Amino acid sequence: MNQVEVFHGMAFLDRYRDQEAALAQSNPQQLMTSRLRYYAPQFLSNQVTFALELDGTVVAIAGCEQATQADTLWLCYVAVDEGYRGRKLSTQLIERIAQYVRDRGYRTLECSGYSTSGLQRLRPVLQRTAQGFFLKDTSHVDYS
């Protein structure tokens, strides 16, 4: 299994700034079309970012934020670079997030998103990993 690193706030962007700049110069089209690069810089300041790196490149990312309730962490998004889909990388991210939720004493992981179909695909791993905390769906996907 690949290691998922955890970054708080802007630490993710600080770590990968040079990599992004190099990609922008060498292949600007790839930088513009990658979903990973869309998500990362827009939401980082108050976020916990979970990043999975293969061969020196971040290929999957997930972001969580503190919800309005102190005991709840909100799973904002999960994105896997197109060329790396189908390798269960999002499963690895969710498993690491679940461990983070347990380690930090959160009672609830709130899941919502722009893509209901994406949450439906993650349903089995979300159900499996939700041990020791409550899984709250705010996008009206039935996890039961």
C-alpha atoms as a PDB file:
ATOM      1  CA  MET A   1       0.000   0.000   0.000  1.00  0.00           C
ATOM      2  CA  ASN A   2       1.170   3.513  -0.755  1.00  0.00           C
ATOM      3  CA  GLN A   3       1.704   6.031   2.024  1.00  0.00           C
ATOM      4  CA  VAL A   4      -0.804   8.854   2.340  1.00  0.00           C
ATOM      5  CA  GLU A   5       0.731  12.037   3.727  1.00  0.00           C
ATOM      6  CA  VAL A   6      -1.240  14.519   5.819  1.00  0.00           C
ATOM      7  CA  PHE A   7      -0.743  18.284   5.439  1.00  0.00           C
ATOM      8  CA  HIS A   8      -2.348  21.077   7.459  1.00  0.00           C
ATOM      9  CA  GLY A   9      -3.276  24.385   5.836  1.00  0.00           C
ATOM     10  CA  MET A  10      -0.934  25.670   3.145  1.00  0.00           C
ATOM     11  CA  ALA A  11       1.785  23.094   3.902  1.00  0.00           C
ATOM     12  CA  PHE A  12       0.641  20.988   0.926  1.00  0.00           C
ATOM     13  CA  LEU A  13       1.011  23.861  -1.519  1.00  0.00           C
ATOM     14  CA  ASP A  14       4.352  24.851   0.004  1.00  0.00           C
ATOM     15  CA  ARG A  15       5.685  21.305  -0.445  1.00  0.00           C
ATOM     16  CA  TYR A  16       4.566  20.911  -4.066  1.00  0.00           C
ATOM     17  CA  ARG A  17       4.967  24.468  -5.365  1.00  0.00           C
ATOM     18  CA  ASP A  18       8.155  23.639  -7.304  1.00  0.00           C
ATOM     19  CA  GLN A  19       6.622  20.509  -8.814  1.00  0.00           C
ATOM     20  CA  GLU A  20       3.613  22.512 -10.013  1.00  0.00           C
ATOM     21  CA  ALA A  21       5.832  25.242 -11.471  1.00  0.00           C
ATOM     22  CA  ALA A  22       7.926  22.677 -13.363  1.00  0.00           C
ATOM     23  CA  LEU A  23       4.805  21.026 -14.751  1.00  0.00           C
ATOM     24  CA  ALA A  24       3.395  24.387 -15.810  1.00  0.00           C
ATOM     25  CA  GLN A  25       6.532  25.085 -17.839  1.00  0.00           C
ATOM     26  CA  SER A  26       7.022  21.625 -19.320  1.00  0.00           C
ATOM     27  CA  ASN A  27       3.407  20.752 -20.100  1.00  0.00           C
ATOM     28  CA  PRO A  28       0.921  23.578 -19.467  1.00  0.00           C
ATOM     29  CA  GLN A  29      -1.941  21.634 -21.050  1.00  0.00           C
ATOM     30  CA  GLN A  30      -1.588  18.821 -18.533  1.00  0.00           C
ATOM     31  CA  LEU A  31      -1.590  21.332 -15.689  1.00  0.00           C
ATOM     32  CA  MET A  32      -4.773  22.948 -16.955  1.00  0.00           C
ATOM     33  CA  THR A  33      -6.727  19.715 -17.466  1.00  0.00           C
ATOM     34  CA  SER A  34      -5.805  17.847 -14.301  1.00  0.00           C
ATOM     35  CA  ARG A  35      -8.585  17.661 -11.705  1.00  0.00           C
ATOM     36  CA  LEU A  36      -5.932  17.347  -9.016  1.00  0.00           C
ATOM     37  CA  ARG A  37      -4.470  20.718  -9.859  1.00  0.00           C
ATOM     38  CA  TYR A  38      -7.940  22.272  -9.876  1.00  0.00           C
ATOM     39  CA  TYR A  39      -8.778  21.180  -6.352  1.00  0.00           C
ATOM     40  CA  ALA A  40      -5.518  21.714  -4.516  1.00  0.00           C
ATOM     41  CA  PRO A  41      -4.868  25.477  -4.520  1.00  0.00           C
ATOM     42  CA  GLN A  42      -8.488  26.567  -4.071  1.00  0.00           C
ATOM     43  CA  PHE A  43      -9.317  25.085  -0.689  1.00  0.00           C
ATOM     44  CA  LEU A  44      -6.113  24.712   1.271  1.00  0.00           C
ATOM     45  CA  SER A  45      -5.930  27.484   3.828  1.00  0.00           C
ATOM     46  CA  ASN A  46      -8.262  25.939   6.449  1.00  0.00           C
ATOM     47  CA  GLN A  47      -7.977  22.372   5.341  1.00  0.00           C
ATOM     48  CA  VAL A  48      -6.351  19.080   6.149  1.00  0.00           C
ATOM     49  CA  THR A  49      -5.060  17.657   2.867  1.00  0.00           C
ATOM     50  CA  PHE A  50      -4.413  13.955   2.349  1.00  0.00           C
ATOM     51  CA  ALA A  51      -2.067  13.345  -0.583  1.00  0.00           C
ATOM     52  CA  LEU A  52      -0.922  10.135  -2.210  1.00  0.00           C
ATOM     53  CA  GLU A  53       2.274  10.303  -4.224  1.00  0.00           C
ATOM     54  CA  LEU A  54       3.544   7.803  -6.799  1.00  0.00           C
ATOM     55  CA  ASP A  55       6.944   8.166  -8.460  1.00  0.00           C
ATOM     56  CA  GLY A  56       7.371  11.675  -7.082  1.00  0.00           C
ATOM     57  CA  THR A  57       4.008  12.996  -8.304  1.00  0.00           C
ATOM     58  CA  VAL A  58       0.829  13.552  -6.315  1.00  0.00           C
ATOM     59  CA  VAL A  59      -1.809  11.443  -8.056  1.00  0.00           C
ATOM     60  CA  ALA A  60      -4.646  11.457  -5.532  1.00  0.00           C
ATOM     61  CA  ILE A  61      -5.816  14.019  -3.026  1.00  0.00           C
ATOM     62  CA  ALA A  62      -8.589  14.475  -0.493  1.00  0.00           C
ATOM     63  CA  GLY A  63      -9.499  17.466   1.594  1.00  0.00           C
ATOM     64  CA  CYS A  64     -11.254  17.783   4.935  1.00  0.00           C
ATOM     65  CA  GLU A  65     -12.266  20.778   7.006  1.00  0.00           C
ATOM     66  CA  GLN A  66     -13.546  21.337  10.496  1.00  0.00           C
ATOM     67  CA  ALA A  67     -17.343  21.347  10.357  1.00  0.00           C
ATOM     68  CA  THR A  68     -19.455  23.757  12.387  1.00  0.00           C
ATOM     69  CA  GLN A  69     -19.739  21.133  15.136  1.00  0.00           C
ATOM     70  CA  ALA A  70     -16.465  20.720  17.035  1.00  0.00           C
ATOM     71  CA  ASP A  71     -16.642  16.916  16.967  1.00  0.00           C
ATOM     72  CA  THR A  72     -17.208  16.706  13.196  1.00  0.00           C
ATOM     73  CA  LEU A  73     -14.748  16.630  10.301  1.00  0.00           C
ATOM     74  CA  TRP A  74     -16.162  17.365   6.845  1.00  0.00           C
ATOM     75  CA  LEU A  75     -14.849  15.381   3.862  1.00  0.00           C
ATOM     76  CA  CYS A  76     -14.941  18.040   1.135  1.00  0.00           C
ATOM     77  CA  TYR A  77     -13.586  16.171  -1.861  1.00  0.00           C
ATOM     78  CA  VAL A  78     -11.617  13.219  -3.165  1.00  0.00           C
ATOM     79  CA  ALA A  79      -9.863  13.487  -6.530  1.00  0.00           C
ATOM     80  CA  VAL A  80      -7.696  10.985  -8.389  1.00  0.00           C
ATOM     81  CA  ASP A  81      -5.744  12.050 -11.454  1.00  0.00           C
ATOM     82  CA  GLU A  82      -7.347  10.559 -14.564  1.00  0.00           C
ATOM     83  CA  GLY A  83      -4.404   8.380 -15.522  1.00  0.00           C
ATOM     84  CA  TYR A  84      -4.378   6.692 -12.112  1.00  0.00           C
ATOM     85  CA  ARG A  85      -8.049   5.841 -11.653  1.00  0.00           C
ATOM     86  CA  GLY A  86      -9.110   2.248 -11.083  1.00  0.00           C
ATOM     87  CA  ARG A  87      -6.176   1.507  -8.747  1.00  0.00           C
ATOM     88  CA  LYS A  88      -8.100   1.927  -5.470  1.00  0.00           C
ATOM     89  CA  LEU A  89      -6.194   5.079  -4.582  1.00  0.00           C
ATOM     90  CA  SER A  90      -9.341   6.768  -3.265  1.00  0.00           C
ATOM     91  CA  THR A  91      -9.806   3.755  -0.979  1.00  0.00           C
ATOM     92  CA  GLN A  92      -6.359   4.385   0.469  1.00  0.00           C
ATOM     93  CA  LEU A  93      -7.201   8.040   1.018  1.00  0.00           C
ATOM     94  CA  ILE A  94     -10.493   7.215   2.764  1.00  0.00           C
ATOM     95  CA  GLU A  95      -8.797   4.628   4.979  1.00  0.00           C
ATOM     96  CA  ARG A  96      -6.217   7.226   6.053  1.00  0.00           C
ATOM     97  CA  ILE A  97      -8.921   9.834   6.667  1.00  0.00           C
ATOM     98  CA  ALA A  98     -10.847   7.353   8.822  1.00  0.00           C
ATOM     99  CA  GLN A  99      -7.717   6.734  10.881  1.00  0.00           C
ATOM    100  CA  TYR A 100      -7.193  10.500  11.227  1.00  0.00           C
ATOM    101  CA  VAL A 101     -10.801  10.902  12.428  1.00  0.00           C
ATOM    102  CA  ARG A 102     -10.306   8.199  15.069  1.00  0.00           C
ATOM    103  CA  ASP A 103      -6.864   9.463  16.136  1.00  0.00           C
ATOM    104  CA  ARG A 104      -8.140  13.028  16.584  1.00  0.00           C
ATOM    105  CA  GLY A 105     -11.257  11.991  18.509  1.00  0.00           C
ATOM    106  CA  TYR A 106     -13.830  13.203  16.017  1.00  0.00           C
ATOM    107  CA  ARG A 107     -17.216  11.590  16.534  1.00  0.00           C
ATOM    108  CA  THR A 108     -18.524  12.265  13.008  1.00  0.00           C
ATOM    109  CA  LEU A 109     -17.202  12.313   9.451  1.00  0.00           C
ATOM    110  CA  GLU A 110     -19.593  14.373   7.349  1.00  0.00           C
ATOM    111  CA  CYS A 111     -19.617  13.497   3.655  1.00  0.00           C
ATOM    112  CA  SER A 112     -21.019  15.643   0.916  1.00  0.00           C
ATOM    113  CA  GLY A 113     -19.848  16.712  -2.454  1.00  0.00           C
ATOM    114  CA  TYR A 114     -20.498  18.038  -5.891  1.00  0.00           C
ATOM    115  CA  SER A 115     -20.671  14.537  -7.344  1.00  0.00           C
ATOM    116  CA  THR A 116     -23.322  12.232  -5.915  1.00  0.00           C
ATOM    117  CA  SER A 117     -22.066   9.436  -8.175  1.00  0.00           C
ATOM    118  CA  GLY A 118     -18.582   9.829  -6.713  1.00  0.00           C
ATOM    119  CA  LEU A 119     -19.915   9.396  -3.194  1.00  0.00           C
ATOM    120  CA  GLN A 120     -21.895   6.361  -4.302  1.00  0.00           C
ATOM    121  CA  ARG A 121     -18.711   4.765  -5.650  1.00  0.00           C
ATOM    122  CA  LEU A 122     -17.015   5.419  -2.308  1.00  0.00           C
ATOM    123  CA  ARG A 123     -19.947   4.056  -0.271  1.00  0.00           C
ATOM    124  CA  PRO A 124     -18.447   0.587   0.409  1.00  0.00           C
ATOM    125  CA  VAL A 125     -15.147   1.922   1.720  1.00  0.00           C
ATOM    126  CA  LEU A 126     -16.897   4.663   3.710  1.00  0.00           C
ATOM    127  CA  GLN A 127     -19.130   2.059   5.372  1.00  0.00           C
ATOM    128  CA  ARG A 128     -16.231  -0.296   6.034  1.00  0.00           C
ATOM    129  CA  THR A 129     -13.965   2.312   7.589  1.00  0.00           C
ATOM    130  CA  ALA A 130     -16.611   4.072   9.723  1.00  0.00           C
ATOM    131  CA  GLN A 131     -15.675   2.216  12.901  1.00  0.00           C
ATOM    132  CA  GLY A 132     -15.462   4.314  16.027  1.00  0.00           C
ATOM    133  CA  PHE A 133     -17.260   7.289  14.511  1.00  0.00           C
ATOM    134  CA  PHE A 134     -20.558   8.176  12.874  1.00  0.00           C
ATOM    135  CA  LEU A 135     -20.768   8.701   9.121  1.00  0.00           C
ATOM    136  CA  LYS A 136     -23.119  11.584   8.291  1.00  0.00           C
ATOM    137  CA  ASP A 137     -24.278  12.078   4.721  1.00  0.00           C
ATOM    138  CA  THR A 138     -25.351  15.596   3.829  1.00  0.00           C
ATOM    139  CA  SER A 139     -25.727  14.985   0.105  1.00  0.00           C
ATOM    140  CA  HIS A 140     -28.734  12.667   0.439  1.00  0.00           C
ATOM    141  CA  VAL A 141     -26.867   9.494  -0.536  1.00  0.00           C
ATOM    142  CA  ASP A 142     -28.177   6.493   1.389  1.00  0.00           C
ATOM    143  CA  TYR A 143     -25.230   4.713   3.037  1.00  0.00           C
ATOM    144  CA  SER A 144     -27.370   2.165   4.867  1.00  0.00           C
END
